[in-house]
Amino acid sequence: TTALLGDARSIIIDLGTSLTFLAKDVYGQVANAVANVINREHFYPPKQDLLCYHVENNGDPYEGLPEMTFHFTNAEWKLPPSNIFGMFRSGITCLATKDGEMPIFGNIAKQNMHVKYDLGNRLLSFAPTE
């Protein structure tokens, strides 16, 4: 899939940042949507400031967690739960997204994806590794 860069809301596709950072208003909408879908009590661990949930230790730890889609010009990047949430401790998963002043698409979101940057033509191409 190829996306045209330079949308109304730009985001940095970063190689050195683990988490994804979104504008405060966008992050608030995402966090509320996630909370409504998961329908479990959430918490913020000390010194982490991440939206976290208790999950089952047996089976698939991502079962019941939502997908997320980033909308680019001419393309949509659909993320499975394993690219949205990080298992930070046994039985605890946290949304690997925070609010920030500069929107950044982090490495956890890009797991298992081939990403090609064509800065000359302002294009971003991406495809699953599988």
Protein backbone atom coordinates (compact mmCIF):
# COMPACT_ATOMS: atom_id res chain seq x y z
CA THR A 1 0.00 0.00 0.00
CA THR A 2 1.29 3.48 -0.80
CA ALA A 3 0.23 6.66 0.97
CA LEU A 4 0.78 10.25 -0.12
CA LEU A 5 2.52 12.19 2.63
CA GLY A 6 1.51 15.69 3.65
CA ASP A 7 -1.96 15.10 5.10
CA ALA A 8 -3.84 17.80 6.99
CA ARG A 9 -2.43 16.26 10.18
CA SER A 10 1.13 15.12 9.66
CA ILE A 11 2.85 12.39 11.65
CA ILE A 12 6.53 11.44 11.84
CA ILE A 13 7.24 7.82 10.88
CA ASP A 14 10.14 7.25 13.28
CA LEU A 15 12.71 4.47 13.50
CA GLY A 16 13.99 5.28 16.98
CA THR A 17 10.81 5.71 19.04
CA SER A 18 8.98 2.71 20.49
CA LEU A 19 5.67 4.33 21.38
CA THR A 20 3.27 6.18 19.11
CA PHE A 21 2.51 9.78 20.12
CA LEU A 22 -0.67 11.57 19.05
CA ALA A 23 -1.95 15.11 19.46
CA LYS A 24 -3.71 15.45 22.82
CA ASP A 25 -7.22 15.71 21.33
CA VAL A 26 -6.66 12.71 19.05
CA TYR A 27 -5.12 10.65 21.86
CA GLY A 28 -8.13 11.42 24.07
CA GLN A 29 -10.49 10.12 21.39
CA VAL A 30 -8.39 6.97 20.92
CA ALA A 31 -8.13 6.29 24.68
CA ASN A 32 -11.90 6.72 25.11
CA ALA A 33 -12.66 4.45 22.14
CA VAL A 34 -10.28 1.78 23.48
CA ALA A 35 -11.83 2.00 26.95
CA ASN A 36 -15.32 1.59 25.48
CA VAL A 37 -14.33 -1.47 23.45
CA ILE A 38 -12.29 -3.25 26.13
CA ASN A 39 -14.87 -2.61 28.85
CA ARG A 40 -12.50 -3.48 31.71
CA GLU A 41 -11.15 -1.37 34.51
CA HIS A 42 -8.07 0.51 33.34
CA PHE A 43 -5.19 1.97 35.32
CA TYR A 44 -2.06 4.06 34.85
CA PRO A 45 1.05 2.45 36.41
CA PRO A 46 3.32 4.78 38.39
CA LYS A 47 5.97 6.53 36.28
CA GLN A 48 4.57 5.02 33.05
CA ASP A 49 1.59 7.26 32.23
CA LEU A 50 0.25 4.55 29.91
CA LEU A 51 -3.35 3.33 29.69
CA CYS A 52 -3.15 -0.26 30.97
CA TYR A 53 -5.44 -3.26 31.48
CA HIS A 54 -5.22 -6.63 33.20
CA VAL A 55 -5.41 -9.46 30.66
CA GLU A 56 -5.53 -13.24 30.85
CA ASN A 57 -2.19 -15.00 31.12
CA ASN A 58 -3.35 -18.13 29.30
CA GLY A 59 -3.99 -18.32 25.58
CA ASP A 60 -3.74 -15.23 23.38
CA PRO A 61 -3.01 -12.15 25.54
CA TYR A 62 -4.35 -9.91 22.74
CA GLU A 63 -7.72 -11.65 22.54
CA GLY A 64 -10.56 -9.17 22.93
CA LEU A 65 -8.35 -6.14 22.29
CA PRO A 66 -9.29 -3.84 19.40
CA GLU A 67 -7.57 -3.11 16.11
CA MET A 68 -6.78 0.45 15.05
CA THR A 69 -6.56 2.05 11.61
CA PHE A 70 -4.44 5.06 10.68
CA HIS A 71 -5.90 6.93 7.71
CA PHE A 72 -3.45 8.42 5.22
CA THR A 73 -4.16 10.02 1.85
CA ASN A 74 -4.94 7.10 -0.51
CA ALA A 75 -4.18 4.42 2.10
CA GLU A 76 -5.19 2.94 5.43
CA TRP A 77 -2.72 1.27 7.79
CA LYS A 78 -4.62 -1.29 9.85
CA LEU A 79 -2.89 -2.30 13.08
CA PRO A 80 -3.61 -5.58 14.89
CA PRO A 81 -3.79 -5.50 18.70
CA SER A 82 -0.15 -6.69 18.95
CA ASN A 83 0.91 -3.45 17.21
CA ILE A 84 -1.23 -1.25 19.46
CA PHE A 85 -0.64 -2.78 22.87
CA GLY A 86 2.55 -3.83 24.62
CA MET A 87 2.81 -6.58 27.20
CA PHE A 88 4.70 -4.74 29.91
CA ARG A 89 4.34 -7.32 32.68
CA SER A 90 2.76 -10.72 32.99
CA GLY A 91 -0.99 -10.19 32.84
CA ILE A 92 -0.73 -6.46 32.07
CA THR A 93 -1.02 -4.86 28.65
CA CYS A 94 -0.74 -1.15 27.96
CA LEU A 95 -1.74 1.00 25.03
CA ALA A 96 1.58 1.76 23.31
CA THR A 97 0.35 5.26 22.53
CA LYS A 98 0.59 8.49 24.50
CA ASP A 99 -0.25 12.12 23.93
CA GLY A 100 2.60 14.33 22.81
CA GLU A 101 3.36 17.66 21.23
CA MET A 102 4.76 16.03 18.08
CA PRO A 103 2.77 13.17 16.50
CA ILE A 104 5.07 10.15 15.98
CA PHE A 105 4.28 6.72 14.54
CA GLY A 106 6.49 4.48 16.70
CA ASN A 107 8.19 1.11 16.24
CA ILE A 108 5.62 -1.00 18.08
CA ALA A 109 3.01 0.11 15.54
CA LYS A 110 5.33 -0.88 12.66
CA GLN A 111 6.13 -4.41 13.88
CA ASN A 112 5.94 -7.08 11.17
CA MET A 113 5.66 -4.48 8.41
CA HIS A 114 7.95 -3.56 5.54
CA VAL A 115 8.13 0.23 5.27
CA LYS A 116 9.61 2.19 2.36
CA TYR A 117 10.17 5.93 2.41
CA ASP A 118 10.28 7.86 -0.88
CA LEU A 119 10.96 11.38 0.30
CA GLY A 120 11.53 12.74 -3.22
CA ASN A 121 7.99 11.83 -4.24
CA ARG A 122 6.55 12.23 -0.71
CA LEU A 123 5.35 8.62 -0.63
CA LEU A 124 5.22 6.05 2.15
CA SER A 125 4.78 2.41 1.15
CA PHE A 126 4.00 -0.39 3.58
CA ALA A 127 3.11 -4.08 3.45
CA PRO A 128 2.92 -6.95 5.94
CA THR A 129 6.07 -9.07 6.32
CA GLU A 130 4.02 -12.27 6.06
